[in-house]
Amino acid sequence: MVRAVEKVKQRLLRTTRVLQKADIPFAVIGGNAVAAWVSRVDEAAVRNTADVDILIRREDFDRVRVAMEADGFVFGQSMNIDFFLDGPDGKIRDAVHLLYASEKVKEQYSSTTPSLDHLDTQGQFPIVQIEDLVRMKLTSFRRKDQVHLLDMIGIEIIDDSWPARFASELGDRLQQLLDDPDG
């Protein structure tokens, strides 16, 4: 278990170093961004994740691919998701997944991913601002997104004032979690 967690951390750091060295704008999103925000309040509340999610601009894709492949990552695509396997024996489950700034991840989603204009750069790597991260989690609202939101509610990063920040559908989803955190 410890080795699996360390491998994700090393893949995250390797990816961010590759992109920083190539001077490509990006942000860490998903479970690693949640972990970065949560760790600022309570390191013991950090939840591990199996993969690395990176937000880039679509116009930077070719540069990202060249930089990642030069470092041994292998590009792949499945179900309209672009990703990089950690070498030829890598698995999709623990890949580096790409999302594109200011685009919908799925056509039916109500909102787009954030732009790369306003990032939090206080840590080892840039992450999306907390409100943008919460919006992304509310938009996809899969079980793991709900758990990430509940983690942030549990340590009071998110409180009762937050639902008003979002459009009604997203605000309603957040209010549901605030009202019944035990499901």
N, C-alpha and C. Protein backbone atom coordinates (compact mmCIF):
# COMPACT_ATOMS: atom_id res chain seq x y z
N MET A 1 0.82 -1.18 0.00
CA MET A 1 0.00 0.00 0.00
C MET A 1 0.87 1.26 0.00
N VAL A 2 1.87 1.29 0.85
CA VAL A 2 2.74 2.45 0.93
C VAL A 2 3.45 2.68 -0.41
N ARG A 3 3.86 1.60 -1.04
CA ARG A 3 4.53 1.68 -2.34
C ARG A 3 3.58 2.26 -3.39
N ALA A 4 2.33 1.83 -3.38
CA ALA A 4 1.35 2.32 -4.36
C ALA A 4 1.14 3.82 -4.19
N VAL A 5 1.01 4.28 -2.96
CA VAL A 5 0.83 5.70 -2.69
C VAL A 5 2.06 6.48 -3.14
N GLU A 6 3.23 5.96 -2.84
CA GLU A 6 4.48 6.63 -3.23
C GLU A 6 4.63 6.71 -4.75
N LYS A 7 4.19 5.67 -5.46
CA LYS A 7 4.28 5.68 -6.92
C LYS A 7 3.41 6.79 -7.52
N VAL A 8 2.23 7.00 -6.96
CA VAL A 8 1.36 8.08 -7.45
C VAL A 8 2.02 9.43 -7.18
N LYS A 9 2.56 9.58 -5.98
CA LYS A 9 3.23 10.83 -5.63
C LYS A 9 4.40 11.10 -6.58
N GLN A 10 5.20 10.09 -6.83
CA GLN A 10 6.35 10.26 -7.73
C GLN A 10 5.91 10.57 -9.16
N ARG A 11 4.83 9.92 -9.61
CA ARG A 11 4.30 10.20 -10.96
C ARG A 11 3.80 11.64 -11.04
N LEU A 12 3.15 12.09 -10.00
CA LEU A 12 2.67 13.48 -9.94
C LEU A 12 3.84 14.45 -10.00
N LEU A 13 4.84 14.23 -9.18
CA LEU A 13 5.99 15.14 -9.15
C LEU A 13 6.78 15.10 -10.45
N ARG A 14 6.92 13.91 -11.01
CA ARG A 14 7.62 13.78 -12.29
C ARG A 14 6.88 14.54 -13.39
N THR A 15 5.56 14.37 -13.43
CA THR A 15 4.74 15.06 -14.43
C THR A 15 4.85 16.57 -14.28
N THR A 16 4.74 17.06 -13.07
CA THR A 16 4.80 18.51 -12.87
C THR A 16 6.18 19.06 -13.21
N ARG A 17 7.23 18.30 -12.90
CA ARG A 17 8.58 18.74 -13.28
C ARG A 17 8.75 18.81 -14.80
N VAL A 18 8.23 17.80 -15.49
CA VAL A 18 8.32 17.77 -16.96
C VAL A 18 7.64 18.99 -17.55
N LEU A 19 6.43 19.29 -17.08
CA LEU A 19 5.67 20.42 -17.62
C LEU A 19 6.30 21.75 -17.24
N GLN A 20 6.80 21.86 -16.02
CA GLN A 20 7.46 23.10 -15.61
C GLN A 20 8.74 23.31 -16.42
N LYS A 21 9.52 22.27 -16.62
CA LYS A 21 10.77 22.38 -17.38
C LYS A 21 10.49 22.80 -18.82
N ALA A 22 9.38 22.32 -19.39
CA ALA A 22 9.01 22.67 -20.76
C ALA A 22 8.27 24.00 -20.84
N ASP A 23 8.08 24.65 -19.68
CA ASP A 23 7.40 25.94 -19.60
C ASP A 23 5.99 25.89 -20.21
N ILE A 24 5.27 24.84 -19.85
CA ILE A 24 3.90 24.65 -20.33
C ILE A 24 2.95 24.96 -19.17
N PRO A 25 2.00 25.88 -19.38
CA PRO A 25 1.03 26.17 -18.32
C PRO A 25 0.16 24.94 -18.03
N PHE A 26 -0.07 24.69 -16.75
CA PHE A 26 -0.89 23.54 -16.34
C PHE A 26 -1.35 23.77 -14.91
N ALA A 27 -2.28 22.92 -14.49
CA ALA A 27 -2.68 22.88 -13.09
C ALA A 27 -2.99 21.44 -12.72
N VAL A 28 -2.68 21.08 -11.50
CA VAL A 28 -3.07 19.78 -10.96
C VAL A 28 -4.53 19.91 -10.53
N ILE A 29 -5.32 18.92 -10.90
CA ILE A 29 -6.74 18.90 -10.55
C ILE A 29 -7.06 17.53 -9.94
N GLY A 30 -8.33 17.26 -9.73
CA GLY A 30 -8.75 15.95 -9.24
C GLY A 30 -8.32 15.69 -7.81
N GLY A 31 -8.13 14.40 -7.52
CA GLY A 31 -7.83 13.98 -6.15
C GLY A 31 -6.56 14.56 -5.59
N ASN A 32 -5.55 14.77 -6.42
CA ASN A 32 -4.31 15.37 -5.92
C ASN A 32 -4.49 16.84 -5.56
N ALA A 33 -5.34 17.55 -6.28
CA ALA A 33 -5.64 18.94 -5.92
C ALA A 33 -6.44 18.99 -4.62
N VAL A 34 -7.39 18.06 -4.48
CA VAL A 34 -8.13 17.99 -3.21
C VAL A 34 -7.16 17.72 -2.08
N ALA A 35 -6.25 16.77 -2.27
CA ALA A 35 -5.27 16.44 -1.23
C ALA A 35 -4.41 17.65 -0.88
N ALA A 36 -4.02 18.43 -1.89
CA ALA A 36 -3.20 19.62 -1.63
C ALA A 36 -3.98 20.63 -0.78
N TRP A 37 -5.25 20.87 -1.10
CA TRP A 37 -6.05 21.81 -0.32
C TRP A 37 -6.30 21.26 1.09
N VAL A 38 -6.67 19.99 1.20
CA VAL A 38 -6.97 19.39 2.50
C VAL A 38 -5.73 19.40 3.39
N SER A 39 -4.57 19.13 2.82
CA SER A 39 -3.35 19.06 3.64
C SER A 39 -3.01 20.40 4.29
N ARG A 40 -3.49 21.49 3.72
CA ARG A 40 -3.24 22.81 4.31
C ARG A 40 -4.00 22.99 5.63
N VAL A 41 -5.06 22.20 5.80
CA VAL A 41 -5.87 22.31 7.01
C VAL A 41 -5.60 21.16 7.97
N ASP A 42 -5.53 19.92 7.40
CA ASP A 42 -5.37 18.75 8.25
C ASP A 42 -4.73 17.62 7.44
N GLU A 43 -3.43 17.44 7.60
CA GLU A 43 -2.72 16.41 6.83
C GLU A 43 -3.28 15.02 7.07
N ALA A 44 -3.81 14.77 8.26
CA ALA A 44 -4.36 13.45 8.58
C ALA A 44 -5.64 13.16 7.79
N ALA A 45 -6.26 14.17 7.24
CA ALA A 45 -7.50 14.00 6.49
C ALA A 45 -7.27 13.78 5.00
N VAL A 46 -6.02 13.77 4.56
CA VAL A 46 -5.71 13.59 3.14
C VAL A 46 -6.07 12.17 2.71
N ARG A 47 -6.77 12.08 1.60
CA ARG A 47 -7.16 10.80 1.01
C ARG A 47 -6.25 10.51 -0.20
N ASN A 48 -5.82 9.30 -0.33
CA ASN A 48 -4.97 8.92 -1.46
C ASN A 48 -5.79 8.77 -2.74
N THR A 49 -5.13 8.90 -3.86
CA THR A 49 -5.76 8.74 -5.16
C THR A 49 -4.84 7.88 -6.03
N ALA A 50 -5.43 7.21 -7.02
CA ALA A 50 -4.66 6.27 -7.83
C ALA A 50 -4.04 6.89 -9.07
N ASP A 51 -4.53 8.05 -9.48
CA ASP A 51 -4.07 8.62 -10.75
C ASP A 51 -3.66 10.07 -10.58
N VAL A 52 -3.25 10.67 -11.68
CA VAL A 52 -2.86 12.07 -11.70
C VAL A 52 -3.71 12.75 -12.78
N ASP A 53 -4.38 13.82 -12.40
CA ASP A 53 -5.19 14.59 -13.35
C ASP A 53 -4.56 15.96 -13.54
N ILE A 54 -4.36 16.32 -14.80
CA ILE A 54 -3.70 17.57 -15.16
C ILE A 54 -4.59 18.36 -16.11
N LEU A 55 -4.70 19.65 -15.86
CA LEU A 55 -5.45 20.57 -16.71
C LEU A 55 -4.46 21.33 -17.57
N ILE A 56 -4.66 21.28 -18.88
CA ILE A 56 -3.79 22.01 -19.81
C ILE A 56 -4.66 22.76 -20.81
N ARG A 57 -4.05 23.65 -21.57
CA ARG A 57 -4.76 24.28 -22.69
C ARG A 57 -4.66 23.34 -23.89
N ARG A 58 -5.75 23.20 -24.62
CA ARG A 58 -5.75 22.30 -25.78
C ARG A 58 -4.65 22.65 -26.77
N GLU A 59 -4.40 23.96 -26.94
CA GLU A 59 -3.38 24.36 -27.91
C GLU A 59 -1.96 23.95 -27.47
N ASP A 60 -1.80 23.54 -26.22
CA ASP A 60 -0.49 23.10 -25.74
C ASP A 60 -0.30 21.59 -25.81
N PHE A 61 -1.33 20.87 -26.30
CA PHE A 61 -1.28 19.41 -26.29
C PHE A 61 -0.02 18.86 -26.97
N ASP A 62 0.31 19.34 -28.16
CA ASP A 62 1.47 18.80 -28.87
C ASP A 62 2.75 18.97 -28.06
N ARG A 63 2.91 20.12 -27.42
CA ARG A 63 4.09 20.36 -26.59
C ARG A 63 4.10 19.45 -25.37
N VAL A 64 2.91 19.25 -24.78
CA VAL A 64 2.79 18.35 -23.63
C VAL A 64 3.19 16.94 -24.05
N ARG A 65 2.68 16.51 -25.18
CA ARG A 65 2.97 15.14 -25.63
C ARG A 65 4.47 14.94 -25.86
N VAL A 66 5.11 15.88 -26.52
CA VAL A 66 6.55 15.78 -26.77
C VAL A 66 7.31 15.72 -25.45
N ALA A 67 6.98 16.59 -24.51
CA ALA A 67 7.69 16.64 -23.23
C ALA A 67 7.47 15.36 -22.42
N MET A 68 6.23 14.89 -22.36
CA MET A 68 5.93 13.70 -21.57
C MET A 68 6.57 12.46 -22.20
N GLU A 69 6.48 12.33 -23.52
CA GLU A 69 7.06 11.16 -24.17
C GLU A 69 8.59 11.16 -24.05
N ALA A 70 9.20 12.33 -24.05
CA ALA A 70 10.65 12.42 -23.88
C ALA A 70 11.07 11.92 -22.50
N ASP A 71 10.14 11.96 -21.54
CA ASP A 71 10.45 11.49 -20.19
C ASP A 71 10.00 10.05 -19.96
N GLY A 72 9.58 9.36 -21.03
CA GLY A 72 9.23 7.95 -20.90
C GLY A 72 7.75 7.64 -20.76
N PHE A 73 6.91 8.66 -20.72
CA PHE A 73 5.47 8.41 -20.68
C PHE A 73 5.00 7.97 -22.07
N VAL A 74 3.93 7.19 -22.12
CA VAL A 74 3.39 6.67 -23.37
C VAL A 74 1.97 7.20 -23.53
N PHE A 75 1.73 7.93 -24.63
CA PHE A 75 0.42 8.52 -24.88
C PHE A 75 -0.60 7.44 -25.24
N GLY A 76 -1.82 7.66 -24.76
CA GLY A 76 -2.94 6.79 -25.11
C GLY A 76 -4.24 7.57 -25.08
N GLN A 77 -5.28 6.95 -25.59
CA GLN A 77 -6.59 7.57 -25.62
C GLN A 77 -7.64 6.46 -25.50
N SER A 78 -8.63 6.69 -24.66
CA SER A 78 -9.70 5.73 -24.48
C SER A 78 -10.96 6.48 -24.06
N MET A 79 -12.06 6.19 -24.70
CA MET A 79 -13.35 6.81 -24.38
C MET A 79 -13.24 8.34 -24.31
N ASN A 80 -12.58 8.92 -25.30
CA ASN A 80 -12.41 10.37 -25.43
C ASN A 80 -11.57 10.98 -24.31
N ILE A 81 -10.79 10.19 -23.62
CA ILE A 81 -9.89 10.69 -22.58
C ILE A 81 -8.46 10.51 -23.07
N ASP A 82 -7.69 11.59 -23.05
CA ASP A 82 -6.27 11.53 -23.37
C ASP A 82 -5.49 11.26 -22.08
N PHE A 83 -4.50 10.40 -22.16
CA PHE A 83 -3.73 10.07 -20.96
C PHE A 83 -2.31 9.67 -21.34
N PHE A 84 -1.48 9.61 -20.33
CA PHE A 84 -0.12 9.13 -20.48
C PHE A 84 0.10 8.00 -19.48
N LEU A 85 0.47 6.85 -20.02
CA LEU A 85 0.85 5.72 -19.18
C LEU A 85 2.27 5.95 -18.68
N ASP A 86 2.54 5.46 -17.50
CA ASP A 86 3.88 5.58 -16.94
C ASP A 86 4.75 4.46 -17.49
N GLY A 87 5.15 4.63 -18.76
CA GLY A 87 5.96 3.62 -19.45
C GLY A 87 5.07 2.61 -20.16
N PRO A 88 5.67 1.74 -20.94
CA PRO A 88 4.90 0.80 -21.76
C PRO A 88 4.09 -0.21 -20.95
N ASP A 89 4.46 -0.44 -19.70
CA ASP A 89 3.72 -1.38 -18.85
C ASP A 89 2.73 -0.68 -17.92
N GLY A 90 2.55 0.64 -18.10
CA GLY A 90 1.63 1.39 -17.25
C GLY A 90 0.18 0.98 -17.47
N LYS A 91 -0.65 1.33 -16.51
CA LYS A 91 -2.07 1.00 -16.57
C LYS A 91 -2.90 2.29 -16.65
N ILE A 92 -4.02 2.21 -17.33
CA ILE A 92 -4.91 3.38 -17.45
C ILE A 92 -5.36 3.84 -16.07
N ARG A 93 -5.59 2.92 -15.16
CA ARG A 93 -6.08 3.25 -13.83
C ARG A 93 -5.15 4.22 -13.09
N ASP A 94 -3.85 4.10 -13.34
CA ASP A 94 -2.90 4.96 -12.63
C ASP A 94 -2.16 5.91 -13.57
N ALA A 95 -2.77 6.20 -14.69
CA ALA A 95 -2.16 7.08 -15.69
C ALA A 95 -2.24 8.55 -15.30
N VAL A 96 -1.59 9.36 -16.11
CA VAL A 96 -1.73 10.82 -16.02
C VAL A 96 -2.83 11.18 -17.02
N HIS A 97 -3.96 11.64 -16.51
CA HIS A 97 -5.11 11.98 -17.36
C HIS A 97 -5.11 13.47 -17.66
N LEU A 98 -5.40 13.81 -18.91
CA LEU A 98 -5.45 15.21 -19.33
C LEU A 98 -6.88 15.70 -19.43
N LEU A 99 -7.12 16.88 -18.92
CA LEU A 99 -8.36 17.61 -19.16
C LEU A 99 -7.97 18.95 -19.76
N TYR A 100 -8.89 19.54 -20.48
CA TYR A 100 -8.57 20.76 -21.22
C TYR A 100 -9.28 21.96 -20.62
N ALA A 101 -8.51 23.01 -20.41
CA ALA A 101 -9.01 24.23 -19.78
C ALA A 101 -10.16 24.84 -20.57
N SER A 102 -11.15 25.31 -19.86
CA SER A 102 -12.30 26.03 -20.41
C SER A 102 -13.12 25.20 -21.39
N GLU A 103 -13.12 23.89 -21.20
CA GLU A 103 -13.91 22.98 -22.02
C GLU A 103 -14.75 22.08 -21.12
N LYS A 104 -15.87 21.60 -21.64
CA LYS A 104 -16.66 20.61 -20.92
C LYS A 104 -15.96 19.26 -21.01
N VAL A 105 -15.90 18.56 -19.90
CA VAL A 105 -15.33 17.22 -19.89
C VAL A 105 -16.28 16.26 -20.61
N LYS A 106 -17.56 16.42 -20.35
CA LYS A 106 -18.60 15.65 -21.03
C LYS A 106 -19.64 16.64 -21.56
N GLU A 107 -20.19 16.32 -22.70
CA GLU A 107 -21.12 17.24 -23.35
C GLU A 107 -22.29 17.62 -22.45
N GLN A 108 -22.77 16.67 -21.64
CA GLN A 108 -23.94 16.93 -20.81
C GLN A 108 -23.62 17.73 -19.54
N TYR A 109 -22.36 17.99 -19.26
CA TYR A 109 -22.01 18.76 -18.07
C TYR A 109 -22.49 20.19 -18.19
N SER A 110 -22.88 20.76 -17.07
CA SER A 110 -23.42 22.12 -17.06
C SER A 110 -22.34 23.20 -17.11
N SER A 111 -21.13 22.85 -16.76
CA SER A 111 -20.07 23.88 -16.77
C SER A 111 -18.78 23.31 -17.33
N THR A 112 -17.90 24.23 -17.70
CA THR A 112 -16.60 23.86 -18.26
C THR A 112 -15.57 23.75 -17.15
N THR A 113 -14.43 23.21 -17.50
CA THR A 113 -13.30 23.23 -16.58
C THR A 113 -12.81 24.68 -16.46
N PRO A 114 -12.09 24.99 -15.41
CA PRO A 114 -11.59 26.37 -15.28
C PRO A 114 -10.51 26.68 -16.31
N SER A 115 -10.26 27.96 -16.47
CA SER A 115 -9.13 28.38 -17.30
C SER A 115 -7.86 28.23 -16.47
N LEU A 116 -6.75 28.52 -17.06
CA LEU A 116 -5.48 28.49 -16.33
C LEU A 116 -5.04 29.89 -15.92
N ASP A 117 -5.98 30.83 -15.93
CA ASP A 117 -5.65 32.23 -15.64
C ASP A 117 -5.40 32.52 -14.16
N HIS A 118 -6.11 31.81 -13.28
CA HIS A 118 -6.02 32.11 -11.85
C HIS A 118 -5.79 30.81 -11.08
N LEU A 119 -4.54 30.52 -10.83
CA LEU A 119 -4.17 29.29 -10.14
C LEU A 119 -3.58 29.60 -8.78
N ASP A 120 -3.61 28.62 -7.92
CA ASP A 120 -2.94 28.72 -6.64
C ASP A 120 -1.54 28.14 -6.84
N THR A 121 -0.53 28.95 -6.60
CA THR A 121 0.85 28.52 -6.84
C THR A 121 1.67 28.49 -5.55
N GLN A 122 1.02 28.35 -4.42
CA GLN A 122 1.73 28.38 -3.15
C GLN A 122 2.49 27.09 -2.83
N GLY A 123 2.12 25.98 -3.45
CA GLY A 123 2.74 24.71 -3.14
C GLY A 123 3.82 24.32 -4.15
N GLN A 124 4.11 23.02 -4.22
CA GLN A 124 5.15 22.50 -5.12
C GLN A 124 4.76 22.63 -6.59
N PHE A 125 3.47 22.70 -6.85
CA PHE A 125 2.97 22.74 -8.22
C PHE A 125 1.66 23.54 -8.22
N PRO A 126 1.30 24.10 -9.36
CA PRO A 126 0.06 24.88 -9.42
C PRO A 126 -1.17 23.98 -9.33
N ILE A 127 -2.15 24.44 -8.58
CA ILE A 127 -3.44 23.76 -8.48
C ILE A 127 -4.53 24.77 -8.79
N VAL A 128 -5.70 24.26 -9.15
CA VAL A 128 -6.81 25.16 -9.41
C VAL A 128 -7.28 25.78 -8.09
N GLN A 129 -7.83 26.96 -8.20
CA GLN A 129 -8.39 27.63 -7.03
C GLN A 129 -9.47 26.74 -6.41
N ILE A 130 -9.67 26.87 -5.13
CA ILE A 130 -10.59 25.99 -4.40
C ILE A 130 -12.01 26.06 -4.96
N GLU A 131 -12.51 27.23 -5.29
CA GLU A 131 -13.87 27.33 -5.80
C GLU A 131 -13.99 26.63 -7.17
N ASP A 132 -12.96 26.74 -8.00
CA ASP A 132 -12.97 26.04 -9.28
C ASP A 132 -12.94 24.53 -9.08
N LEU A 133 -12.15 24.06 -8.12
CA LEU A 133 -12.08 22.64 -7.83
C LEU A 133 -13.43 22.12 -7.34
N VAL A 134 -14.05 22.85 -6.44
CA VAL A 134 -15.36 22.45 -5.93
C VAL A 134 -16.37 22.42 -7.08
N ARG A 135 -16.35 23.41 -7.95
CA ARG A 135 -17.27 23.43 -9.11
C ARG A 135 -17.05 22.18 -9.98
N MET A 136 -15.80 21.82 -10.22
CA MET A 136 -15.52 20.62 -11.01
C MET A 136 -16.08 19.37 -10.33
N LYS A 137 -15.89 19.27 -9.03
CA LYS A 137 -16.38 18.10 -8.29
C LYS A 137 -17.91 18.06 -8.29
N LEU A 138 -18.55 19.22 -8.17
CA LEU A 138 -20.01 19.27 -8.20
C LEU A 138 -20.55 18.96 -9.60
N THR A 139 -19.81 19.35 -10.62
CA THR A 139 -20.25 19.12 -11.99
C THR A 139 -20.23 17.63 -12.32
N SER A 140 -19.14 16.95 -12.03
CA SER A 140 -19.09 15.52 -12.34
C SER A 140 -19.88 14.69 -11.32
N PHE A 141 -19.76 15.01 -10.07
CA PHE A 141 -20.58 14.48 -8.97
C PHE A 141 -20.66 12.96 -8.92
N ARG A 142 -19.58 12.30 -9.35
CA ARG A 142 -19.51 10.85 -9.17
C ARG A 142 -19.31 10.58 -7.68
N ARG A 143 -19.39 9.33 -7.28
CA ARG A 143 -19.25 8.99 -5.86
C ARG A 143 -17.92 9.50 -5.31
N LYS A 144 -16.82 9.33 -6.07
CA LYS A 144 -15.53 9.78 -5.54
C LYS A 144 -15.47 11.31 -5.45
N ASP A 145 -16.18 12.01 -6.34
CA ASP A 145 -16.25 13.47 -6.24
C ASP A 145 -17.02 13.87 -4.98
N GLN A 146 -18.09 13.16 -4.70
CA GLN A 146 -18.86 13.43 -3.50
C GLN A 146 -18.02 13.20 -2.24
N VAL A 147 -17.23 12.13 -2.25
CA VAL A 147 -16.36 11.84 -1.11
C VAL A 147 -15.32 12.94 -0.93
N HIS A 148 -14.75 13.41 -2.05
CA HIS A 148 -13.79 14.52 -1.95
C HIS A 148 -14.46 15.76 -1.36
N LEU A 149 -15.67 16.05 -1.81
CA LEU A 149 -16.40 17.20 -1.25
C LEU A 149 -16.68 17.00 0.24
N LEU A 150 -17.07 15.79 0.60
CA LEU A 150 -17.33 15.50 2.02
C LEU A 150 -16.06 15.65 2.86
N ASP A 151 -14.92 15.28 2.29
CA ASP A 151 -13.65 15.49 3.00
C ASP A 151 -13.44 16.97 3.29
N MET A 152 -13.72 17.81 2.28
CA MET A 152 -13.54 19.25 2.45
C MET A 152 -14.58 19.84 3.40
N ILE A 153 -15.78 19.28 3.40
CA ILE A 153 -16.80 19.71 4.37
C ILE A 153 -16.37 19.30 5.77
N GLY A 154 -15.85 18.09 5.90
CA GLY A 154 -15.46 17.56 7.21
C GLY A 154 -14.40 18.38 7.92
N ILE A 155 -13.53 19.03 7.17
CA ILE A 155 -12.50 19.85 7.80
C ILE A 155 -12.80 21.35 7.64
N GLU A 156 -14.01 21.62 7.22
CA GLU A 156 -14.57 22.98 7.16
C GLU A 156 -13.89 23.90 6.15
N ILE A 157 -13.33 23.33 5.09
CA ILE A 157 -12.92 24.16 3.95
C ILE A 157 -14.19 24.68 3.28
N ILE A 158 -15.19 23.81 3.21
CA ILE A 158 -16.51 24.16 2.67
C ILE A 158 -17.47 24.23 3.83
N ASP A 159 -18.27 25.29 3.87
CA ASP A 159 -19.27 25.43 4.93
C ASP A 159 -20.62 25.81 4.33
N ASP A 160 -21.58 26.14 5.18
CA ASP A 160 -22.96 26.43 4.75
C ASP A 160 -23.08 27.62 3.81
N SER A 161 -22.08 28.46 3.74
CA SER A 161 -22.16 29.62 2.85
C SER A 161 -21.85 29.27 1.39
N TRP A 162 -21.27 28.12 1.14
CA TRP A 162 -20.80 27.76 -0.19
C TRP A 162 -21.88 27.51 -1.25
N PRO A 163 -23.01 26.90 -0.95
CA PRO A 163 -23.99 26.64 -2.02
C PRO A 163 -24.40 27.89 -2.80
N ALA A 164 -24.44 29.03 -2.15
CA ALA A 164 -24.84 30.27 -2.82
C ALA A 164 -23.83 30.72 -3.88
N ARG A 165 -22.64 30.17 -3.87
CA ARG A 165 -21.61 30.54 -4.86
C ARG A 165 -21.86 29.93 -6.24
N PHE A 166 -22.77 28.95 -6.31
CA PHE A 166 -22.93 28.17 -7.53
C PHE A 166 -24.35 28.29 -8.09
N ALA A 167 -24.47 27.98 -9.38
CA ALA A 167 -25.79 27.93 -10.02
C ALA A 167 -26.65 26.90 -9.27
N SER A 168 -27.95 27.00 -9.44
CA SER A 168 -28.87 26.22 -8.62
C SER A 168 -28.58 24.73 -8.60
N GLU A 169 -28.35 24.08 -9.75
CA GLU A 169 -28.11 22.64 -9.77
C GLU A 169 -26.88 22.27 -8.94
N LEU A 170 -25.79 22.99 -9.13
CA LEU A 170 -24.57 22.69 -8.38
C LEU A 170 -24.72 23.06 -6.91
N GLY A 171 -25.35 24.19 -6.66
CA GLY A 171 -25.59 24.61 -5.28
C GLY A 171 -26.48 23.61 -4.54
N ASP A 172 -27.48 23.08 -5.25
CA ASP A 172 -28.36 22.07 -4.65
C ASP A 172 -27.60 20.79 -4.31
N ARG A 173 -26.69 20.39 -5.19
CA ARG A 173 -25.88 19.20 -4.92
C ARG A 173 -25.02 19.39 -3.68
N LEU A 174 -24.42 20.56 -3.57
CA LEU A 174 -23.59 20.83 -2.40
C LEU A 174 -24.42 20.89 -1.14
N GLN A 175 -25.60 21.53 -1.22
CA GLN A 175 -26.47 21.61 -0.05
C GLN A 175 -26.89 20.22 0.41
N GLN A 176 -27.14 19.33 -0.53
CA GLN A 176 -27.49 17.95 -0.21
C GLN A 176 -26.40 17.29 0.63
N LEU A 177 -25.15 17.50 0.25
CA LEU A 177 -24.04 16.93 1.01
C LEU A 177 -23.89 17.59 2.38
N LEU A 178 -24.09 18.89 2.43
CA LEU A 178 -24.00 19.59 3.71
C LEU A 178 -25.12 19.14 4.65
N ASP A 179 -26.32 18.93 4.09
CA ASP A 179 -27.46 18.53 4.92
C ASP A 179 -27.37 17.10 5.42
N ASP A 180 -26.77 16.22 4.64
CA ASP A 180 -26.70 14.81 4.99
C ASP A 180 -25.32 14.24 4.65
N PRO A 181 -24.30 14.61 5.42
CA PRO A 181 -22.95 14.16 5.09
C PRO A 181 -22.73 12.65 5.23
N ASP A 182 -23.63 11.98 5.91
CA ASP A 182 -23.50 10.52 6.08
C ASP A 182 -24.27 9.74 5.03
N GLY A 183 -24.92 10.48 4.10
CA GLY A 183 -25.55 9.86 2.95
C GLY A 183 -26.82 9.17 3.21
